[in-house]
Amino acid sequence: MPRWGLVVEQNLGFGRQGRMWSVGVMDHVEGTREDALDALRVRAERFEPIHPANPKRRALYREADGFLLVVEGVWQPFHCRFTVAEQLYDSAAPEPAAERPDSPAREQEEPGVREPPPRKALSPEPEPGPPPAWDAHVPEVPSWLGRDDLP
C-alpha cells in the first residue's frame, strides 16, 4: 500500500526581501491517493498559517495534486500550497525484515539488478550520558521546598 506525505508550503518572514518559502510534511497517510487527498483537505481547511496574523478572508481552492489556501490579510494576501506526494524513499526509516542482507529473499534476486544501499542519517542521535558539567550544581529539589517558615 503506498504511503503519501501531506505537504504544506507557506511563506515565512516579512517584507518583499524577507519572505522565503518553507516546506513541511504535516503527516503521512497509507492508502490510495484519494484517501490522502481527503485527509489533506481536512488539514487544509483547519490549517492556521503563520501569516497573516489577523486574517480577513480565507479561500480554499482544489488543484490537481492538492489545494491552495489564499488568506487575505490587512495589507496583502498570503497563500499556502497543500500537496499529496507519494513517499518513495526515507533515509531514516527502519529497514524492513524482508530486505535485510542476511535474509534469503536477497539471495534470490536477479543478477545485475541491485538497489542502492540505504543511506544513513546525517546526524545520528546522541547517546545518553551523564549530565553536562554546567548542570551538576543545580539541585533536583530546591532548598526552599517544604519549608514552613516562608510566607
Protein backbone atom coordinates (compact mmCIF):
# COMPACT_ATOMS: atom_id res chain seq x y z
CA MET A 1 0.00 0.00 0.00
CA PRO A 2 1.55 3.37 -0.97
CA ARG A 3 2.49 5.92 1.68
CA TRP A 4 1.56 9.53 0.98
CA GLY A 5 3.05 12.65 2.53
CA LEU A 6 0.76 15.58 3.30
CA VAL A 7 2.96 18.54 2.39
CA VAL A 8 2.41 22.23 3.17
CA GLU A 9 4.36 25.12 1.66
CA GLN A 10 3.96 28.61 3.10
CA ASN A 11 5.67 31.99 3.28
CA LEU A 12 7.75 32.90 6.29
CA GLY A 13 9.23 36.30 7.10
CA PHE A 14 8.09 39.84 6.35
CA GLY A 15 8.56 42.30 3.51
CA ARG A 16 9.43 41.62 -0.09
CA GLN A 17 13.02 40.58 0.54
CA GLY A 18 12.45 38.93 3.92
CA ARG A 19 9.96 36.35 2.67
CA MET A 20 11.01 32.81 1.99
CA TRP A 21 9.19 29.58 1.21
CA SER A 22 9.08 26.93 3.88
CA VAL A 23 8.06 23.32 3.32
CA GLY A 24 6.92 20.76 5.87
CA VAL A 25 5.32 17.35 5.96
CA MET A 26 2.26 17.56 8.21
CA ASP A 27 1.51 13.84 8.29
CA HIS A 28 1.60 10.58 6.33
CA VAL A 29 -1.34 8.53 5.05
CA GLU A 30 -1.23 4.88 4.00
CA GLY A 31 -3.77 4.02 1.32
CA THR A 32 -4.94 5.34 -2.00
CA ARG A 33 -4.27 8.77 -3.45
CA GLU A 34 -7.93 9.66 -2.88
CA ASP A 35 -7.60 8.75 0.82
CA ALA A 36 -4.60 11.05 1.04
CA LEU A 37 -6.44 13.88 -0.72
CA ASP A 38 -9.39 13.52 1.67
CA ALA A 39 -7.08 13.73 4.68
CA LEU A 40 -5.23 16.68 3.13
CA ARG A 41 -8.46 18.58 2.57
CA VAL A 42 -9.38 18.28 6.25
CA ARG A 43 -5.90 19.53 7.21
CA ALA A 44 -6.03 22.39 4.68
CA GLU A 45 -9.44 23.59 5.91
CA ARG A 46 -8.23 23.71 9.53
CA PHE A 47 -4.69 24.99 8.84
CA GLU A 48 -3.66 28.22 10.57
CA PRO A 49 -0.83 29.78 8.55
CA ILE A 50 1.87 31.90 10.15
CA HIS A 51 0.90 34.90 8.00
CA PRO A 52 -1.25 36.93 8.20
CA ALA A 53 -1.74 37.36 11.93
CA ASN A 54 -5.24 38.85 11.55
CA PRO A 55 -6.88 37.20 8.53
CA LYS A 56 -9.90 38.91 6.97
CA ARG A 57 -10.90 36.23 4.48
CA ARG A 58 -9.90 32.64 3.59
CA ALA A 59 -10.49 30.86 0.29
CA LEU A 60 -9.57 27.22 -0.40
CA TYR A 61 -9.08 26.03 -4.00
CA ARG A 62 -8.70 22.48 -5.33
CA GLU A 63 -5.74 21.73 -7.63
CA ALA A 64 -4.65 18.56 -9.41
CA ASP A 65 -2.44 17.26 -6.56
CA GLY A 66 -3.81 19.24 -3.63
CA PHE A 67 -5.17 22.57 -2.52
CA LEU A 68 -4.32 26.28 -2.50
CA LEU A 69 -5.30 28.38 0.51
CA VAL A 70 -5.43 32.15 -0.07
CA VAL A 71 -5.68 34.23 3.08
CA GLU A 72 -6.29 37.97 2.81
CA GLY A 73 -4.55 39.98 5.48
CA VAL A 74 -4.85 43.63 6.47
CA TRP A 75 -2.45 44.87 3.76
CA GLN A 76 -1.84 41.95 1.41
CA PRO A 77 -2.85 38.35 0.67
CA PHE A 78 -0.76 35.31 1.61
CA HIS A 79 -1.06 31.78 0.31
CA CYS A 80 -0.25 28.21 1.30
CA ARG A 81 0.04 25.27 -1.04
CA PHE A 82 -1.00 21.78 0.10
CA THR A 83 0.13 18.76 -1.90
CA VAL A 84 -0.02 14.97 -1.64
CA ALA A 85 3.18 13.25 -2.66
CA GLU A 86 3.90 9.54 -2.72
CA GLN A 87 6.83 8.69 -0.49
CA LEU A 88 9.35 6.62 -2.41
CA TYR A 89 12.30 6.72 -0.03
CA ASP A 90 13.16 7.69 3.54
CA SER A 91 16.74 7.54 4.76
CA ALA A 92 15.66 7.44 8.41
CA ALA A 93 13.07 4.68 8.02
CA PRO A 94 13.88 1.32 9.63
CA GLU A 95 14.91 -1.35 7.16
CA PRO A 96 12.14 -3.95 6.66
CA ALA A 97 13.00 -7.51 7.68
CA ALA A 98 12.50 -8.84 4.13
CA GLU A 99 15.23 -6.59 2.71
CA ARG A 100 17.98 -7.24 5.24
CA PRO A 101 21.21 -8.50 3.63
CA ASP A 102 21.13 -11.76 5.62
CA SER A 103 17.59 -12.69 4.55
CA PRO A 104 17.09 -15.47 1.96
CA ALA A 105 14.97 -13.18 -0.22
CA ARG A 106 18.09 -11.17 -1.15
CA GLU A 107 19.82 -14.26 -2.49
CA GLN A 108 17.02 -14.95 -4.98
CA GLU A 109 17.30 -11.59 -6.78
CA GLU A 110 18.08 -11.47 -10.46
CA PRO A 111 21.76 -10.92 -11.22
CA GLY A 112 22.63 -7.40 -12.32
CA VAL A 113 19.55 -5.84 -10.66
CA ARG A 114 20.56 -4.19 -7.43
CA GLU A 115 19.02 -1.48 -5.33
CA PRO A 116 21.26 1.25 -3.94
CA PRO A 117 22.32 0.68 -0.34
CA PRO A 118 20.22 2.51 2.24
CA ARG A 119 21.60 5.87 3.27
CA LYS A 120 22.44 6.58 6.86
CA ALA A 121 21.05 9.57 8.70
CA LEU A 122 23.32 12.61 8.51
CA SER A 123 23.25 13.33 12.22
CA PRO A 124 22.90 10.26 14.46
CA GLU A 125 21.09 10.50 17.76
CA PRO A 126 23.43 11.34 20.62
CA GLU A 127 23.93 8.59 23.14
CA PRO A 128 22.61 9.30 26.65
CA GLY A 129 25.34 10.08 29.11
CA PRO A 130 26.00 11.97 32.30
CA PRO A 131 24.51 15.46 32.61
CA PRO A 132 26.70 18.31 31.38
CA ALA A 133 29.12 19.90 33.87
CA TRP A 134 27.16 23.17 33.99
CA ASP A 135 24.08 21.26 35.17
CA ALA A 136 25.89 19.48 38.04
CA HIS A 137 25.33 22.28 40.57
CA VAL A 138 21.56 22.53 40.03
CA PRO A 139 19.70 20.53 42.70
CA GLU A 140 16.79 18.30 41.71
CA VAL A 141 14.69 19.69 44.58
CA PRO A 142 15.04 23.36 45.55
CA SER A 143 16.19 24.05 49.13
CA TRP A 144 13.12 26.17 49.92
CA LEU A 145 10.64 23.38 49.08
CA GLY A 146 8.91 22.05 52.18
CA ARG A 147 9.98 24.91 54.48
CA ASP A 148 7.31 26.09 56.94
CA ASP A 149 8.94 29.41 57.82
CA LEU A 150 8.32 31.02 54.41
CA PRO A 151 5.16 33.11 53.71
